[in-house]
């Protein structure tokens, strides 16, 4: 799959996060544990976000807080494109 070309004709690339997939995964687990009032070890990183019964406002809030923590833009729709903690963490650590 090729990347879309930028206005200069060069492929545009989204830079990799300065955080590792494990760091991002841990942040999301801790965030959901607080929101859901569950222990972090009860959050399965392979379970789809839908199974956590998050409403859209909570999902958007999570991506906004994640964006702030990472210091880079996070598209709120990523929870639909990468529907588990494991998948979104891997993508955000290395989006290419």
PDB file of N, CA and C in Angstrom:
ATOM      1  N   UNK A   1       0.844  -1.169   0.000  1.00  0.00           N
ATOM      2  CA  UNK A   1       0.000   0.000   0.000  1.00  0.00           C
ATOM      3  C   UNK A   1       0.890   1.233   0.000  1.00  0.00           C
ATOM      4  N   UNK A   2       0.605   2.181  -0.838  1.00  0.00           N
ATOM      5  CA  UNK A   2       1.404   3.397  -0.897  1.00  0.00           C
ATOM      6  C   UNK A   2       0.755   4.488  -0.073  1.00  0.00           C
ATOM      7  N   UNK A   3       1.593   5.374   0.424  1.00  0.00           N
ATOM      8  CA  UNK A   3       1.120   6.513   1.198  1.00  0.00           C
ATOM      9  C   UNK A   3       0.643   7.587   0.229  1.00  0.00           C
ATOM     10  N   UNK A   4      -0.359   8.384   0.609  1.00  0.00           N
ATOM     11  CA  UNK A   4      -0.785   9.476  -0.258  1.00  0.00           C
ATOM     12  C   UNK A   4       0.352  10.470  -0.455  1.00  0.00           C
ATOM     13  N   UNK A   5       0.432  11.037  -1.626  1.00  0.00           N
ATOM     14  CA  UNK A   5       1.490  12.003  -1.913  1.00  0.00           C
ATOM     15  C   UNK A   5       1.158  13.344  -1.281  1.00  0.00           C
ATOM     16  N   UNK A   6       2.171  14.005  -0.787  1.00  0.00           N
ATOM     17  CA  UNK A   6       1.989  15.354  -0.258  1.00  0.00           C
ATOM     18  C   UNK A   6       2.003  16.331  -1.424  1.00  0.00           C
ATOM     19  N   UNK A   7       1.805  17.613  -1.131  1.00  0.00           N
ATOM     20  CA  UNK A   7       1.786  18.614  -2.195  1.00  0.00           C
ATOM     21  C   UNK A   7       3.128  18.698  -2.919  1.00  0.00           C
ATOM     22  N   UNK A   8       4.210  18.248  -2.278  1.00  0.00           N
ATOM     23  CA  UNK A   8       5.519  18.260  -2.924  1.00  0.00           C
ATOM     24  C   UNK A   8       5.738  17.020  -3.778  1.00  0.00           C
ATOM     25  N   UNK A   9       4.758  16.102  -3.775  1.00  0.00           N
ATOM     26  CA  UNK A   9       4.891  14.872  -4.544  1.00  0.00           C
ATOM     27  C   UNK A   9       5.532  13.745  -3.762  1.00  0.00           C
ATOM     28  N   UNK A  10       6.043  14.039  -2.581  1.00  0.00           N
ATOM     29  CA  UNK A  10       6.646  13.011  -1.735  1.00  0.00           C
ATOM     30  C   UNK A  10       5.555  12.310  -0.937  1.00  0.00           C
ATOM     31  N   UNK A  11       5.717  11.012  -0.642  1.00  0.00           N
ATOM     32  CA  UNK A  11       4.717  10.338   0.196  1.00  0.00           C
ATOM     33  C   UNK A  11       4.658  10.996   1.564  1.00  0.00           C
ATOM     34  N   UNK A  12       3.436  11.182   2.085  1.00  0.00           N
ATOM     35  CA  UNK A  12       3.304  11.740   3.425  1.00  0.00           C
ATOM     36  C   UNK A  12       3.371  10.597   4.423  1.00  0.00           C
ATOM     37  N   UNK A  13       4.041  10.834   5.524  1.00  0.00           N
ATOM     38  CA  UNK A  13       4.182   9.805   6.544  1.00  0.00           C
ATOM     39  C   UNK A  13       3.793  10.382   7.886  1.00  0.00           C
ATOM     40  N   UNK A  14       3.101   9.559   8.680  1.00  0.00           N
ATOM     41  CA  UNK A  14       2.807   9.956  10.046  1.00  0.00           C
ATOM     42  C   UNK A  14       3.970   9.466  10.882  1.00  0.00           C
ATOM     43  N   UNK A  15       4.537  10.335  11.702  1.00  0.00           N
ATOM     44  CA  UNK A  15       5.705   9.945  12.481  1.00  0.00           C
ATOM     45  C   UNK A  15       5.320   8.985  13.600  1.00  0.00           C
ATOM     46  N   UNK A  16       6.249   8.136  13.946  1.00  0.00           N
ATOM     47  CA  UNK A  16       6.042   7.202  15.045  1.00  0.00           C
ATOM     48  C   UNK A  16       6.054   7.969  16.361  1.00  0.00           C
ATOM     49  N   UNK A  17       5.324   7.454  17.327  1.00  0.00           N
ATOM     50  CA  UNK A  17       5.262   8.064  18.645  1.00  0.00           C
ATOM     51  C   UNK A  17       6.597   7.902  19.361  1.00  0.00           C
ATOM     52  N   UNK A  18       6.885   8.829  20.257  1.00  0.00           N
ATOM     53  CA  UNK A  18       8.067   8.710  21.101  1.00  0.00           C
ATOM     54  C   UNK A  18       7.835   7.669  22.194  1.00  0.00           C
ATOM     55  N   UNK A  19       6.601   7.206  22.322  1.00  0.00           N
ATOM     56  CA  UNK A  19       6.242   6.201  23.334  1.00  0.00           C
ATOM     57  C   UNK A  19       6.187   4.817  22.695  1.00  0.00           C
ATOM     58  N   UNK A  20       6.516   3.810  23.477  1.00  0.00           N
ATOM     59  CA  UNK A  20       6.439   2.433  22.980  1.00  0.00           C
ATOM     60  C   UNK A  20       4.996   1.939  23.029  1.00  0.00           C
ATOM     61  N   UNK A  21       4.736   0.878  22.290  1.00  0.00           N
ATOM     62  CA  UNK A  21       3.400   0.274  22.311  1.00  0.00           C
ATOM     63  C   UNK A  21       3.038  -0.139  23.734  1.00  0.00           C
ATOM     64  N   UNK A  22       4.004  -0.651  24.491  1.00  0.00           N
ATOM     65  CA  UNK A  22       3.741  -1.076  25.869  1.00  0.00           C
ATOM     66  C   UNK A  22       3.367   0.112  26.752  1.00  0.00           C
ATOM     67  N   UNK A  23       4.055   1.238  26.585  1.00  0.00           N
ATOM     68  CA  UNK A  23       3.730   2.439  27.372  1.00  0.00           C
ATOM     69  C   UNK A  23       2.326   2.940  27.044  1.00  0.00           C
ATOM     70  N   UNK A  24       2.001   2.959  25.761  1.00  0.00           N
ATOM     71  CA  UNK A  24       0.679   3.417  25.335  1.00  0.00           C
ATOM     72  C   UNK A  24      -0.390   2.464  25.849  1.00  0.00           C
ATOM     73  N   UNK A  25      -0.125   1.176  25.742  1.00  0.00           N
ATOM     74  CA  UNK A  25      -1.068   0.165  26.225  1.00  0.00           C
ATOM     75  C   UNK A  25      -1.310   0.339  27.720  1.00  0.00           C
ATOM     76  N   UNK A  26      -0.259   0.533  28.482  1.00  0.00           N
ATOM     77  CA  UNK A  26      -0.393   0.715  29.935  1.00  0.00           C
ATOM     78  C   UNK A  26      -1.202   1.964  30.262  1.00  0.00           C
ATOM     79  N   UNK A  27      -0.965   3.051  29.506  1.00  0.00           N
ATOM     80  CA  UNK A  27      -1.722   4.282  29.732  1.00  0.00           C
ATOM     81  C   UNK A  27      -3.206   4.043  29.498  1.00  0.00           C
ATOM     82  N   UNK A  28      -3.553   3.376  28.382  1.00  0.00           N
ATOM     83  CA  UNK A  28      -4.964   3.124  28.061  1.00  0.00           C
ATOM     84  C   UNK A  28      -5.596   2.210  29.107  1.00  0.00           C
ATOM     85  N   UNK A  29      -4.882   1.174  29.530  1.00  0.00           N
ATOM     86  CA  UNK A  29      -5.404   0.265  30.558  1.00  0.00           C
ATOM     87  C   UNK A  29      -5.687   1.045  31.840  1.00  0.00           C
ATOM     88  N   UNK A  30      -4.738   1.859  32.273  1.00  0.00           N
ATOM     89  CA  UNK A  30      -4.937   2.649  33.496  1.00  0.00           C
ATOM     90  C   UNK A  30      -6.102   3.621  33.344  1.00  0.00           C
ATOM     91  N   UNK A  31      -6.212   4.239  32.182  1.00  0.00           N
ATOM     92  CA  UNK A  31      -7.306   5.176  31.912  1.00  0.00           C
ATOM     93  C   UNK A  31      -8.652   4.467  32.010  1.00  0.00           C
ATOM     94  N   UNK A  32      -8.778   3.331  31.323  1.00  0.00           N
ATOM     95  CA  UNK A  32     -10.045   2.593  31.348  1.00  0.00           C
ATOM     96  C   UNK A  32     -10.352   2.041  32.735  1.00  0.00           C
ATOM     97  N   UNK A  33      -9.329   1.613  33.454  1.00  0.00           N
ATOM     98  CA  UNK A  33      -9.542   1.112  34.815  1.00  0.00           C
ATOM     99  C   UNK A  33     -10.151   2.209  35.689  1.00  0.00           C
ATOM    100  N   UNK A  34      -9.653   3.433  35.558  1.00  0.00           N
ATOM    101  CA  UNK A  34     -10.214   4.564  36.319  1.00  0.00           C
ATOM    102  C   UNK A  34     -11.654   4.838  35.899  1.00  0.00           C
ATOM    103  N   UNK A  35     -11.894   4.916  34.600  1.00  0.00           N
ATOM    104  CA  UNK A  35     -13.232   5.236  34.087  1.00  0.00           C
ATOM    105  C   UNK A  35     -14.244   4.153  34.465  1.00  0.00           C
ATOM    106  N   UNK A  36     -13.830   2.899  34.321  1.00  0.00           N
ATOM    107  CA  UNK A  36     -14.739   1.772  34.561  1.00  0.00           C
ATOM    108  C   UNK A  36     -14.764   1.328  36.020  1.00  0.00           C
ATOM    109  N   UNK A  37     -13.895   1.941  36.839  1.00  0.00           N
ATOM    110  CA  UNK A  37     -13.784   1.593  38.261  1.00  0.00           C
ATOM    111  C   UNK A  37     -13.524   0.099  38.441  1.00  0.00           C
ATOM    112  N   UNK A  38     -12.511  -0.376  37.716  1.00  0.00           N
ATOM    113  CA  UNK A  38     -12.076  -1.773  37.790  1.00  0.00           C
ATOM    114  C   UNK A  38     -10.575  -1.784  38.025  1.00  0.00           C
ATOM    115  N   UNK A  39     -10.055  -2.886  38.567  1.00  0.00           N
ATOM    116  CA  UNK A  39      -8.598  -2.985  38.671  1.00  0.00           C
ATOM    117  C   UNK A  39      -7.979  -3.100  37.273  1.00  0.00           C
ATOM    118  N   UNK A  40      -6.793  -2.542  37.106  1.00  0.00           N
ATOM    119  CA  UNK A  40      -6.128  -2.565  35.799  1.00  0.00           C
ATOM    120  C   UNK A  40      -5.951  -3.984  35.276  1.00  0.00           C
ATOM    121  N   UNK A  41      -5.706  -4.937  36.168  1.00  0.00           N
ATOM    122  CA  UNK A  41      -5.500  -6.315  35.694  1.00  0.00           C
ATOM    123  C   UNK A  41      -6.795  -6.972  35.213  1.00  0.00           C
ATOM    124  N   UNK A  42      -7.926  -6.305  35.380  1.00  0.00           N
ATOM    125  CA  UNK A  42      -9.201  -6.816  34.861  1.00  0.00           C
ATOM    126  C   UNK A  42      -9.476  -6.318  33.438  1.00  0.00           C
ATOM    127  N   UNK A  43      -8.610  -5.445  32.922  1.00  0.00           N
ATOM    128  CA  UNK A  43      -8.772  -4.897  31.572  1.00  0.00           C
ATOM    129  C   UNK A  43      -7.964  -5.761  30.604  1.00  0.00           C
ATOM    130  N   UNK A  44      -8.662  -6.466  29.720  1.00  0.00           N
ATOM    131  CA  UNK A  44      -8.024  -7.341  28.731  1.00  0.00           C
ATOM    132  C   UNK A  44      -7.710  -6.523  27.479  1.00  0.00           C
ATOM    133  N   UNK A  45      -6.431  -6.456  27.116  1.00  0.00           N
ATOM    134  CA  UNK A  45      -6.013  -5.625  25.984  1.00  0.00           C
ATOM    135  C   UNK A  45      -6.426  -6.195  24.632  1.00  0.00           C
ATOM    136  N   UNK A  46      -6.908  -7.432  24.608  1.00  0.00           N
ATOM    137  CA  UNK A  46      -7.327  -8.052  23.344  1.00  0.00           C
ATOM    138  C   UNK A  46      -8.832  -7.979  23.117  1.00  0.00           C
ATOM    139  N   UNK A  47      -9.551  -7.440  24.083  1.00  0.00           N
ATOM    140  CA  UNK A  47     -11.011  -7.334  23.999  1.00  0.00           C
ATOM    141  C   UNK A  47     -11.376  -6.054  23.242  1.00  0.00           C
ATOM    142  N   UNK A  48     -12.334  -6.113  22.324  1.00  0.00           N
ATOM    143  CA  UNK A  48     -12.749  -4.902  21.602  1.00  0.00           C
ATOM    144  C   UNK A  48     -13.279  -3.824  22.556  1.00  0.00           C
ATOM    145  N   UNK A  49     -13.021  -2.570  22.195  1.00  0.00           N
ATOM    146  CA  UNK A  49     -13.510  -1.449  23.003  1.00  0.00           C
ATOM    147  C   UNK A  49     -15.018  -1.539  23.225  1.00  0.00           C
ATOM    148  N   UNK A  50     -15.752  -2.047  22.244  1.00  0.00           N
ATOM    149  CA  UNK A  50     -17.210  -2.197  22.376  1.00  0.00           C
ATOM    150  C   UNK A  50     -17.587  -3.010  23.606  1.00  0.00           C
ATOM    151  N   UNK A  51     -16.765  -3.997  23.952  1.00  0.00           N
ATOM    152  CA  UNK A  51     -17.061  -4.854  25.099  1.00  0.00           C
ATOM    153  C   UNK A  51     -16.937  -4.125  26.436  1.00  0.00           C
ATOM    154  N   UNK A  52     -16.280  -2.967  26.438  1.00  0.00           N
ATOM    155  CA  UNK A  52     -16.166  -2.178  27.663  1.00  0.00           C
ATOM    156  C   UNK A  52     -17.370  -1.263  27.850  1.00  0.00           C
ATOM    157  N   UNK A  53     -18.293  -1.278  26.896  1.00  0.00           N
ATOM    158  CA  UNK A  53     -19.520  -0.469  26.938  1.00  0.00           C
ATOM    159  C   UNK A  53     -19.222   1.021  27.100  1.00  0.00           C
ATOM    160  N   UNK A  54     -18.222   1.487  26.355  1.00  0.00           N
ATOM    161  CA  UNK A  54     -17.902   2.912  26.371  1.00  0.00           C
ATOM    162  C   UNK A  54     -18.861   3.648  25.452  1.00  0.00           C
ATOM    163  N   UNK A  55     -19.383   4.768  25.907  1.00  0.00           N
ATOM    164  CA  UNK A  55     -20.194   5.573  24.996  1.00  0.00           C
ATOM    165  C   UNK A  55     -19.252   6.426  24.148  1.00  0.00           C
ATOM    166  N   UNK A  56     -19.792   7.045  23.119  1.00  0.00           N
ATOM    167  CA  UNK A  56     -18.939   7.794  22.189  1.00  0.00           C
ATOM    168  C   UNK A  56     -18.245   8.967  22.879  1.00  0.00           C
ATOM    169  N   UNK A  57     -18.906   9.609  23.818  1.00  0.00           N
ATOM    170  CA  UNK A  57     -18.293  10.736  24.533  1.00  0.00           C
ATOM    171  C   UNK A  57     -17.074  10.277  25.332  1.00  0.00           C
ATOM    172  N   UNK A  58     -17.163   9.110  25.952  1.00  0.00           N
ATOM    173  CA  UNK A  58     -16.038   8.573  26.718  1.00  0.00           C
ATOM    174  C   UNK A  58     -14.888   8.203  25.792  1.00  0.00           C
ATOM    175  N   UNK A  59     -15.206   7.582  24.659  1.00  0.00           N
ATOM    176  CA  UNK A  59     -14.169   7.203  23.692  1.00  0.00           C
ATOM    177  C   UNK A  59     -13.458   8.443  23.148  1.00  0.00           C
ATOM    178  N   UNK A  60     -14.220   9.487  22.842  1.00  0.00           N
ATOM    179  CA  UNK A  60     -13.626  10.730  22.343  1.00  0.00           C
ATOM    180  C   UNK A  60     -12.799  11.398  23.438  1.00  0.00           C
ATOM    181  N   UNK A  61     -13.306  11.362  24.671  1.00  0.00           N
ATOM    182  CA  UNK A  61     -12.546  11.902  25.796  1.00  0.00           C
ATOM    183  C   UNK A  61     -11.230  11.173  25.991  1.00  0.00           C
ATOM    184  N   UNK A  62     -11.262   9.848  25.839  1.00  0.00           N
ATOM    185  CA  UNK A  62     -10.045   9.053  25.985  1.00  0.00           C
ATOM    186  C   UNK A  62      -9.027   9.437  24.914  1.00  0.00           C
ATOM    187  N   UNK A  63      -9.470   9.557  23.664  1.00  0.00           N
ATOM    188  CA  UNK A  63      -8.517   9.902  22.606  1.00  0.00           C
ATOM    189  C   UNK A  63      -7.970  11.317  22.801  1.00  0.00           C
ATOM    190  N   UNK A  64      -8.800  12.223  23.321  1.00  0.00           N
ATOM    191  CA  UNK A  64      -8.317  13.575  23.610  1.00  0.00           C
ATOM    192  C   UNK A  64      -7.266  13.584  24.704  1.00  0.00           C
ATOM    193  N   UNK A  65      -7.505  12.827  25.769  1.00  0.00           N
ATOM    194  CA  UNK A  65      -6.531  12.740  26.857  1.00  0.00           C
ATOM    195  C   UNK A  65      -5.267  12.025  26.396  1.00  0.00           C
ATOM    196  N   UNK A  66      -5.431  11.005  25.557  1.00  0.00           N
ATOM    197  CA  UNK A  66      -4.285  10.277  25.003  1.00  0.00           C
ATOM    198  C   UNK A  66      -3.456  11.210  24.118  1.00  0.00           C
ATOM    199  N   UNK A  67      -4.123  12.010  23.327  1.00  0.00           N
ATOM    200  CA  UNK A  67      -3.453  12.991  22.468  1.00  0.00           C
ATOM    201  C   UNK A  67      -2.606  13.944  23.310  1.00  0.00           C
ATOM    202  N   UNK A  68      -3.181  14.415  24.409  1.00  0.00           N
ATOM    203  CA  UNK A  68      -2.455  15.323  25.304  1.00  0.00           C
ATOM    204  C   UNK A  68      -1.239  14.633  25.910  1.00  0.00           C
ATOM    205  N   UNK A  69      -1.400  13.382  26.354  1.00  0.00           N
ATOM    206  CA  UNK A  69      -0.305  12.629  26.963  1.00  0.00           C
ATOM    207  C   UNK A  69       0.807  12.350  25.956  1.00  0.00           C
ATOM    208  N   UNK A  70       0.421  11.987  24.734  1.00  0.00           N
ATOM    209  CA  UNK A  70       1.414  11.686  23.699  1.00  0.00           C
ATOM    210  C   UNK A  70       2.077  12.945  23.147  1.00  0.00           C
ATOM    211  N   UNK A  71       1.358  14.068  23.211  1.00  0.00           N
ATOM    212  CA  UNK A  71       1.877  15.295  22.633  1.00  0.00           C
ATOM    213  C   UNK A  71       1.789  15.317  21.121  1.00  0.00           C
ATOM    214  N   UNK A  72       0.853  14.562  20.580  1.00  0.00           N
ATOM    215  CA  UNK A  72       0.642  14.530  19.132  1.00  0.00           C
ATOM    216  C   UNK A  72      -0.822  14.238  18.845  1.00  0.00           C
ATOM    217  N   UNK A  73      -1.240  14.539  17.648  1.00  0.00           N
ATOM    218  CA  UNK A  73      -2.638  14.385  17.254  1.00  0.00           C
ATOM    219  C   UNK A  73      -3.066  12.916  17.231  1.00  0.00           C
ATOM    220  N   UNK A  74      -4.246  12.647  17.786  1.00  0.00           N
ATOM    221  CA  UNK A  74      -4.834  11.303  17.758  1.00  0.00           C
ATOM    222  C   UNK A  74      -6.253  11.438  17.218  1.00  0.00           C
ATOM    223  N   UNK A  75      -6.514  10.808  16.099  1.00  0.00           N
ATOM    224  CA  UNK A  75      -7.835  10.845  15.475  1.00  0.00           C
ATOM    225  C   UNK A  75      -8.827  10.089  16.365  1.00  0.00           C
ATOM    226  N   UNK A  76      -9.938  10.713  16.769  1.00  0.00           N
ATOM    227  CA  UNK A  76     -10.911  10.041  17.634  1.00  0.00           C
ATOM    228  C   UNK A  76     -11.506   8.771  17.027  1.00  0.00           C
ATOM    229  N   UNK A  77     -11.459   8.636  15.711  1.00  0.00           N
ATOM    230  CA  UNK A  77     -12.025   7.436  15.075  1.00  0.00           C
ATOM    231  C   UNK A  77     -11.087   6.234  15.132  1.00  0.00           C
ATOM    232  N   UNK A  78      -9.879   6.402  15.662  1.00  0.00           N
ATOM    233  CA  UNK A  78      -8.943   5.272  15.733  1.00  0.00           C
ATOM    234  C   UNK A  78      -9.485   4.115  16.558  1.00  0.00           C
ATOM    235  N   UNK A  79     -10.355   4.406  17.530  1.00  0.00           N
ATOM    236  CA  UNK A  79     -10.920   3.317  18.334  1.00  0.00           C
ATOM    237  C   UNK A  79     -11.807   2.408  17.490  1.00  0.00           C
ATOM    238  N   UNK A  80     -12.261   2.905  16.344  1.00  0.00           N
ATOM    239  CA  UNK A  80     -13.052   2.075  15.430  1.00  0.00           C
ATOM    240  C   UNK A  80     -12.151   1.368  14.422  1.00  0.00           C
ATOM    241  N   UNK A  81     -11.089   2.045  14.001  1.00  0.00           N
ATOM    242  CA  UNK A  81     -10.151   1.457  13.043  1.00  0.00           C
ATOM    243  C   UNK A  81      -9.248   0.409  13.689  1.00  0.00           C
ATOM    244  N   UNK A  82      -8.903   0.613  14.943  1.00  0.00           N
ATOM    245  CA  UNK A  82      -8.042  -0.297  15.713  1.00  0.00           C
ATOM    246  C   UNK A  82      -8.799  -0.612  16.999  1.00  0.00           C
ATOM    247  N   UNK A  83      -9.718  -1.590  16.958  1.00  0.00           N
ATOM    248  CA  UNK A  83     -10.742  -1.746  17.995  1.00  0.00           C
ATOM    249  C   UNK A  83     -10.320  -2.404  19.315  1.00  0.00           C
ATOM    250  N   UNK A  84      -9.033  -2.651  19.521  1.00  0.00           N
ATOM    251  CA  UNK A  84      -8.604  -3.172  20.820  1.00  0.00           C
ATOM    252  C   UNK A  84      -7.462  -2.309  21.350  1.00  0.00           C
ATOM    253  N   UNK A  85      -7.212  -2.404  22.629  1.00  0.00           N
ATOM    254  CA  UNK A  85      -6.101  -1.671  23.237  1.00  0.00           C
ATOM    255  C   UNK A  85      -4.794  -2.099  22.585  1.00  0.00           C
ATOM    256  N   UNK A  86      -4.641  -3.380  22.376  1.00  0.00           N
ATOM    257  CA  UNK A  86      -3.423  -3.919  21.772  1.00  0.00           C
ATOM    258  C   UNK A  86      -3.192  -3.343  20.368  1.00  0.00           C
ATOM    259  N   UNK A  87      -4.241  -3.326  19.551  1.00  0.00           N
ATOM    260  CA  UNK A  87      -4.110  -2.853  18.167  1.00  0.00           C
ATOM    261  C   UNK A  87      -3.861  -1.354  18.086  1.00  0.00           C
ATOM    262  N   UNK A  88      -4.589  -0.575  18.869  1.00  0.00           N
ATOM    263  CA  UNK A  88      -4.397   0.878  18.799  1.00  0.00           C
ATOM    264  C   UNK A  88      -3.031   1.272  19.356  1.00  0.00           C
ATOM    265  N   UNK A  89      -2.559   0.573  20.383  1.00  0.00           N
ATOM    266  CA  UNK A  89      -1.245   0.863  20.963  1.00  0.00           C
ATOM    267  C   UNK A  89      -0.135   0.584  19.962  1.00  0.00           C
ATOM    268  N   UNK A  90      -0.238  -0.544  19.283  1.00  0.00           N
ATOM    269  CA  UNK A  90       0.759  -0.905  18.274  1.00  0.00           C
ATOM    270  C   UNK A  90       0.766   0.120  17.147  1.00  0.00           C
ATOM    271  N   UNK A  91      -0.414   0.502  16.688  1.00  0.00           N
ATOM    272  CA  UNK A  91      -0.506   1.496  15.615  1.00  0.00           C
ATOM    273  C   UNK A  91       0.093   2.835  16.041  1.00  0.00           C
ATOM    274  N   UNK A  92      -0.283   3.319  17.213  1.00  0.00           N
ATOM    275  CA  UNK A  92       0.189   4.632  17.652  1.00  0.00           C
ATOM    276  C   UNK A  92       1.701   4.661  17.874  1.00  0.00           C
ATOM    277  N   UNK A  93       2.276   3.537  18.282  1.00  0.00           N
ATOM    278  CA  UNK A  93       3.721   3.480  18.490  1.00  0.00           C
ATOM    279  C   UNK A  93       4.473   3.497  17.163  1.00  0.00           C
ATOM    280  N   UNK A  94       3.850   2.941  16.123  1.00  0.00           N
ATOM    281  CA  UNK A  94       4.497   2.880  14.810  1.00  0.00           C
ATOM    282  C   UNK A  94       3.437   2.871  13.725  1.00  0.00           C
ATOM    283  N   UNK A  95       2.938   4.044  13.334  1.00  0.00           N
ATOM    284  CA  UNK A  95       1.815   4.113  12.398  1.00  0.00           C
ATOM    285  C   UNK A  95       2.144   3.776  10.946  1.00  0.00           C
ATOM    286  N   UNK A  96       3.406   3.553  10.620  1.00  0.00           N
ATOM    287  CA  UNK A  96       3.761   3.285   9.219  1.00  0.00           C
ATOM    288  C   UNK A  96       3.706   1.828   8.877  1.00  0.00           C
TER     289      UNK A  96
END
